[in-house]
Amino acid sequence: MNEVIGTARYAVEEQLCIAKYFHHNRVSICASIEAAGERAFFSGEADPTQIQVVAFFTECLPFAARLVCAGSSGAEFRDASIWARHTQPSIDPVSLLAMLSLIYLMEMGTREASRDFRRASVWQRIHRQVDSYWSARTPADAPTPMRCLKLVQALGSR
């Protein structure tokens, strides 16, 4: 997962150049992701279902995509899309940038909430539920961020 976080950081900070935009709007961004996490993982089960994880990503990925479009310049977005297409040719570049941005935002939100016990517990639950779902699978069927993205895309195309 550290490699994915590093790639997410590179996409947001170096390709899209939107880290400052995220930081400036972090209160409202984090509140939206927290609310999505509370809705998706409301039961607090130790072993989340695929539906709960997909519900979280289904709500948060379009949100992240809107932030990517709003926060980056046309040239930065175009260059980042080219980079994304070369990185994962089988995935829509905007979807990939949205997923990487969401991962970046989840890390940012966790850091931001560390000083507030209630918010920190929400972010810990989001991470625990997503990580628990991913780690409970065998490597062959583990829903890595890219596999989860493909699943969300498939559900959206129905």
Foldseek 3Di string as FASTA:
>chain_A
DVVLLVVLCCLPCPQQNQPVVCVVVVVVLLVQLLVLLCVLCVVLDQAHDLSSLLSSCLRQLVVLLVSSVVRGDPVSVVRSLVVQCVVPVVDRSSSVNSLSPVSNSLVVQCVVCPVPVVSNVSSVSSCSHLVNNQVVDDPVPRCDSVNSSVVSVVVVVD
